[in-house]
């Protein structure tokens, strides 16, 4: 019974856009993305094609531009 209650309280997973916004906000606060695979997953969730040879910095900039485009 406690397990069912615990499962019922879980929050739904954030959307791709919310994840991207959280990533950019963390980087702007001085954070450093430690998991390049996670950054690529967020970018792909936004519909971006990510090269295996792209640096994390390039991918983050593409995510920034995608967020700006979608807000306009």
C-alpha atoms as a PDB file:
ATOM      1  CA  UNK A   1       0.000   0.000   0.000  1.00  0.00           C
ATOM      2  CA  UNK A   2       2.785   2.484   0.844  1.00  0.00           C
ATOM      3  CA  UNK A   3       4.419   1.730  -2.507  1.00  0.00           C
ATOM      4  CA  UNK A   4       1.234   2.620  -4.400  1.00  0.00           C
ATOM      5  CA  UNK A   5       0.993   5.915  -2.508  1.00  0.00           C
ATOM      6  CA  UNK A   6       4.637   6.644  -3.222  1.00  0.00           C
ATOM      7  CA  UNK A   7       4.129   6.028  -6.942  1.00  0.00           C
ATOM      8  CA  UNK A   8       1.020   8.206  -6.988  1.00  0.00           C
ATOM      9  CA  UNK A   9       2.968  11.173  -5.543  1.00  0.00           C
ATOM     10  CA  UNK A  10       5.663  11.125  -8.214  1.00  0.00           C
ATOM     11  CA  UNK A  11       5.756  14.170 -10.431  1.00  0.00           C
ATOM     12  CA  UNK A  12       5.451  13.759 -14.171  1.00  0.00           C
ATOM     13  CA  UNK A  13       8.669  14.047 -16.127  1.00  0.00           C
ATOM     14  CA  UNK A  14       9.455  17.580 -17.356  1.00  0.00           C
ATOM     15  CA  UNK A  15       9.013  18.271 -21.053  1.00  0.00           C
ATOM     16  CA  UNK A  16      11.959  18.568 -23.425  1.00  0.00           C
ATOM     17  CA  UNK A  17      11.573  22.342 -23.430  1.00  0.00           C
ATOM     18  CA  UNK A  18      11.588  22.490 -19.623  1.00  0.00           C
ATOM     19  CA  UNK A  19      14.681  20.283 -19.494  1.00  0.00           C
ATOM     20  CA  UNK A  20      16.431  22.529 -22.022  1.00  0.00           C
ATOM     21  CA  UNK A  21      15.500  25.657 -20.074  1.00  0.00           C
ATOM     22  CA  UNK A  22      16.797  24.097 -16.862  1.00  0.00           C
ATOM     23  CA  UNK A  23      20.056  23.140 -18.577  1.00  0.00           C
ATOM     24  CA  UNK A  24      20.597  26.655 -19.944  1.00  0.00           C
ATOM     25  CA  UNK A  25      19.696  28.217 -16.593  1.00  0.00           C
ATOM     26  CA  UNK A  26      22.206  25.983 -14.802  1.00  0.00           C
ATOM     27  CA  UNK A  27      24.932  26.859 -17.300  1.00  0.00           C
ATOM     28  CA  UNK A  28      24.151  30.584 -16.959  1.00  0.00           C
ATOM     29  CA  UNK A  29      24.525  30.272 -13.180  1.00  0.00           C
ATOM     30  CA  UNK A  30      28.039  28.977 -13.736  1.00  0.00           C
ATOM     31  CA  UNK A  31      27.400  25.268 -13.935  1.00  0.00           C
ATOM     32  CA  UNK A  32      29.167  22.935 -16.283  1.00  0.00           C
ATOM     33  CA  UNK A  33      27.373  20.150 -18.168  1.00  0.00           C
ATOM     34  CA  UNK A  34      29.136  16.999 -17.035  1.00  0.00           C
ATOM     35  CA  UNK A  35      27.244  14.506 -19.163  1.00  0.00           C
ATOM     36  CA  UNK A  36      27.519  15.171 -22.919  1.00  0.00           C
ATOM     37  CA  UNK A  37      25.074  12.343 -23.648  1.00  0.00           C
ATOM     38  CA  UNK A  38      22.414  14.102 -21.561  1.00  0.00           C
ATOM     39  CA  UNK A  39      22.989  17.376 -23.428  1.00  0.00           C
ATOM     40  CA  UNK A  40      22.662  15.529 -26.742  1.00  0.00           C
ATOM     41  CA  UNK A  41      19.473  13.825 -25.541  1.00  0.00           C
ATOM     42  CA  UNK A  42      17.929  17.181 -24.649  1.00  0.00           C
ATOM     43  CA  UNK A  43      18.922  18.599 -28.044  1.00  0.00           C
ATOM     44  CA  UNK A  44      17.423  15.636 -29.869  1.00  0.00           C
ATOM     45  CA  UNK A  45      14.265  16.003 -27.792  1.00  0.00           C
ATOM     46  CA  UNK A  46      13.947  19.528 -29.184  1.00  0.00           C
ATOM     47  CA  UNK A  47      14.217  18.133 -32.698  1.00  0.00           C
ATOM     48  CA  UNK A  48      17.827  19.085 -33.339  1.00  0.00           C
ATOM     49  CA  UNK A  49      20.188  16.790 -35.195  1.00  0.00           C
ATOM     50  CA  UNK A  50      23.372  16.390 -33.192  1.00  0.00           C
ATOM     51  CA  UNK A  51      26.635  15.312 -34.778  1.00  0.00           C
ATOM     52  CA  UNK A  52      28.704  12.777 -32.902  1.00  0.00           C
ATOM     53  CA  UNK A  53      31.663  15.097 -33.470  1.00  0.00           C
ATOM     54  CA  UNK A  54      30.006  18.266 -32.124  1.00  0.00           C
ATOM     55  CA  UNK A  55      31.362  19.667 -28.888  1.00  0.00           C
ATOM     56  CA  UNK A  56      29.120  20.173 -25.876  1.00  0.00           C
ATOM     57  CA  UNK A  57      29.537  23.952 -26.249  1.00  0.00           C
ATOM     58  CA  UNK A  58      28.287  23.865 -29.831  1.00  0.00           C
ATOM     59  CA  UNK A  59      25.302  21.760 -28.829  1.00  0.00           C
ATOM     60  CA  UNK A  60      24.447  24.098 -25.945  1.00  0.00           C
ATOM     61  CA  UNK A  61      24.516  27.077 -28.323  1.00  0.00           C
ATOM     62  CA  UNK A  62      22.197  25.263 -30.715  1.00  0.00           C
ATOM     63  CA  UNK A  63      19.823  24.552 -27.798  1.00  0.00           C
ATOM     64  CA  UNK A  64      19.905  28.262 -26.864  1.00  0.00           C
ATOM     65  CA  UNK A  65      19.004  29.247 -30.434  1.00  0.00           C
ATOM     66  CA  UNK A  66      16.219  26.660 -30.559  1.00  0.00           C
ATOM     67  CA  UNK A  67      14.699  28.030 -27.345  1.00  0.00           C
ATOM     68  CA  UNK A  68      14.854  31.589 -28.674  1.00  0.00           C
ATOM     69  CA  UNK A  69      13.238  30.548 -31.965  1.00  0.00           C
ATOM     70  CA  UNK A  70      10.443  28.655 -30.233  1.00  0.00           C
ATOM     71  CA  UNK A  71       9.713  31.591 -27.897  1.00  0.00           C
ATOM     72  CA  UNK A  72       9.253  34.000 -30.807  1.00  0.00           C
END
